[in-house]
Amino acid sequence: MAEKLPGKINLEIVTPERQFFCGEVDAVTVPGIQGYLGILPGHAPLLSELKNGVITVEGDGAKQRFFCGWGFVEVLSDRVSILAEVAEASGQIDAESARKDREKAEGLFRSRPEDTDYKQALNLWEQAVARLEVVESSKD
């Protein structure tokens, strides 16, 4: 007899400061270190590092997007746990500051100063772009 798959996923997003999100969802997409991972109920167990990006949560016919700074995700068939260094909803993001960070990083890439820490500049750029994506998606 085939095992019945769960209909929903229990999602928990935790940062060092607080529990950011907890609830049942239909699907979640996370920024895995090698690309985005789509997770549905019944997904095979997995553990992955997360990079800067956007977490997309789908449930009750709506989508929510959150900024995710580096972290980890654990997936079980009926539960997804995300431990993120930073998690922010669109209302928590300063869009102007994110635009300035993106421009600063792009300026470093173009001018190529000798003392540039390119890994740090790339991290700044990825965070800024993801934050702006979350802000823009909330306008839809």
Protein backbone atom coordinates (compact mmCIF):
# COMPACT_ATOMS: atom_id res chain seq x y z
CA MET A 1 0.00 0.00 0.00
CA ALA A 2 1.38 3.40 -1.02
CA GLU A 3 2.18 5.93 1.69
CA LYS A 4 -0.01 9.03 1.52
CA LEU A 5 1.92 12.28 1.00
CA PRO A 6 1.22 15.19 3.33
CA GLY A 7 -0.96 17.98 1.91
CA LYS A 8 0.94 20.84 3.52
CA ILE A 9 4.42 21.63 4.77
CA ASN A 10 5.16 22.97 8.24
CA LEU A 11 7.61 25.81 7.58
CA GLU A 12 9.73 27.46 10.22
CA ILE A 13 12.21 30.26 9.51
CA VAL A 14 14.47 31.18 12.41
CA THR A 15 17.21 33.82 12.72
CA PRO A 16 19.61 34.25 15.64
CA GLU A 17 17.29 36.96 17.01
CA ARG A 18 13.83 35.39 16.63
CA GLN A 19 11.39 33.02 15.02
CA PHE A 20 10.68 34.87 11.78
CA PHE A 21 7.94 32.67 10.31
CA CYS A 22 6.01 29.60 11.41
CA GLY A 23 3.05 28.09 9.60
CA GLU A 24 1.63 25.58 7.17
CA VAL A 25 2.32 26.25 3.49
CA ASP A 26 1.71 24.58 0.14
CA ALA A 27 5.23 25.08 -1.23
CA VAL A 28 8.46 26.90 -0.52
CA THR A 29 11.39 27.89 -2.73
CA VAL A 30 14.78 28.59 -1.15
CA PRO A 31 18.09 29.96 -2.49
CA GLY A 32 20.28 26.86 -2.32
CA ILE A 33 24.02 27.31 -2.66
CA GLN A 34 23.91 25.85 -6.18
CA GLY A 35 20.56 27.29 -7.25
CA TYR A 36 16.99 27.66 -6.13
CA LEU A 37 15.25 24.61 -4.64
CA GLY A 38 11.51 24.11 -4.96
CA ILE A 39 10.01 22.10 -2.11
CA LEU A 40 6.56 20.51 -2.09
CA PRO A 41 4.91 18.26 0.50
CA GLY A 42 6.51 14.82 0.47
CA HIS A 43 9.92 16.10 -0.68
CA ALA A 44 12.86 13.78 -0.11
CA PRO A 45 14.91 14.62 2.98
CA LEU A 46 17.76 17.02 2.36
CA LEU A 47 20.11 19.39 4.10
CA SER A 48 21.59 22.31 2.17
CA GLU A 49 23.47 25.53 2.68
CA LEU A 50 21.61 28.66 1.60
CA LYS A 51 23.05 31.71 -0.09
CA ASN A 52 21.75 35.27 -0.19
CA GLY A 53 18.47 35.27 -2.05
CA VAL A 54 14.69 35.18 -1.87
CA ILE A 55 12.55 32.67 -0.02
CA THR A 56 9.16 32.29 -1.73
CA VAL A 57 6.34 30.87 0.36
CA GLU A 58 3.09 29.75 -1.29
CA GLY A 59 -0.09 29.07 0.62
CA ASP A 60 -3.82 29.74 0.45
CA GLY A 61 -3.50 31.06 -3.11
CA ALA A 62 -0.98 33.76 -2.18
CA LYS A 63 2.78 34.16 -2.42
CA GLN A 64 5.03 35.83 0.12
CA ARG A 65 8.67 36.66 -0.53
CA PHE A 66 11.33 37.19 2.11
CA PHE A 67 14.98 38.18 1.93
CA CYS A 68 17.30 35.43 3.16
CA GLY A 69 20.88 36.07 4.16
CA TRP A 70 23.10 33.03 4.27
CA GLY A 71 21.95 29.98 6.26
CA PHE A 72 20.85 26.36 6.12
CA VAL A 73 17.68 24.45 5.24
CA GLU A 74 16.58 21.04 6.49
CA VAL A 75 13.80 19.36 4.51
CA LEU A 76 11.71 16.42 5.69
CA SER A 77 8.58 15.10 3.96
CA ASP A 78 6.24 17.30 6.02
CA ARG A 79 8.55 19.94 7.52
CA VAL A 80 11.05 22.55 6.34
CA SER A 81 13.31 24.31 8.82
CA ILE A 82 15.34 27.32 7.71
CA LEU A 83 18.09 28.74 9.89
CA ALA A 84 19.00 32.09 8.33
CA GLU A 85 21.59 34.61 9.38
CA VAL A 86 19.12 37.31 8.28
CA ALA A 87 15.47 37.14 7.20
CA GLU A 88 13.43 40.21 6.25
CA ALA A 89 9.97 40.90 4.90
CA SER A 90 9.50 43.70 2.36
CA GLY A 91 8.32 46.14 5.04
CA GLN A 92 11.58 45.67 6.95
CA ILE A 93 13.81 46.49 3.97
CA ASP A 94 15.17 49.97 3.31
CA ALA A 95 14.99 50.02 -0.50
CA GLU A 96 17.09 53.17 -0.86
CA SER A 97 19.88 51.67 1.25
CA ALA A 98 19.72 48.47 -0.83
CA ARG A 99 19.99 50.51 -4.05
CA LYS A 100 23.04 52.33 -2.67
CA ASP A 101 24.65 49.02 -1.66
CA ARG A 102 24.04 47.61 -5.16
CA GLU A 103 25.54 50.72 -6.80
CA LYS A 104 28.54 50.63 -4.44
CA ALA A 105 29.26 46.98 -5.26
CA GLU A 106 28.81 47.55 -9.01
CA GLY A 107 31.17 50.54 -8.79
CA LEU A 108 33.82 48.35 -7.15
CA PHE A 109 33.44 45.75 -9.91
CA ARG A 110 33.84 48.40 -12.62
CA SER A 111 36.73 50.37 -11.11
CA ARG A 112 38.64 47.36 -9.79
CA PRO A 113 40.64 49.03 -7.00
CA GLU A 114 43.62 46.91 -5.94
CA ASP A 115 42.45 46.61 -2.34
CA THR A 116 38.94 45.41 -3.22
CA ASP A 117 37.70 42.32 -1.41
CA TYR A 118 35.68 40.91 -4.32
CA LYS A 119 34.06 38.20 -2.20
CA GLN A 120 32.75 40.87 0.18
CA ALA A 121 31.64 43.07 -2.75
CA LEU A 122 29.80 40.13 -4.34
CA ASN A 123 28.09 39.39 -1.01
CA LEU A 124 26.99 43.03 -0.74
CA TRP A 125 25.67 42.98 -4.31
CA GLU A 126 23.78 39.67 -3.86
CA GLN A 127 22.13 40.93 -0.68
CA ALA A 128 21.13 44.23 -2.28
CA VAL A 129 19.68 42.59 -5.39
CA ALA A 130 17.69 40.06 -3.35
CA ARG A 131 16.37 42.75 -1.01
CA LEU A 132 15.26 44.85 -3.98
CA GLU A 133 13.56 41.81 -5.54
CA VAL A 134 11.55 41.30 -2.33
CA VAL A 135 10.56 44.99 -2.23
CA GLU A 136 9.57 45.01 -5.92
CA SER A 137 7.54 41.80 -5.61
CA SER A 138 5.50 43.30 -2.77
CA LYS A 139 4.25 46.01 -5.16
CA ASP A 140 2.45 43.43 -7.33
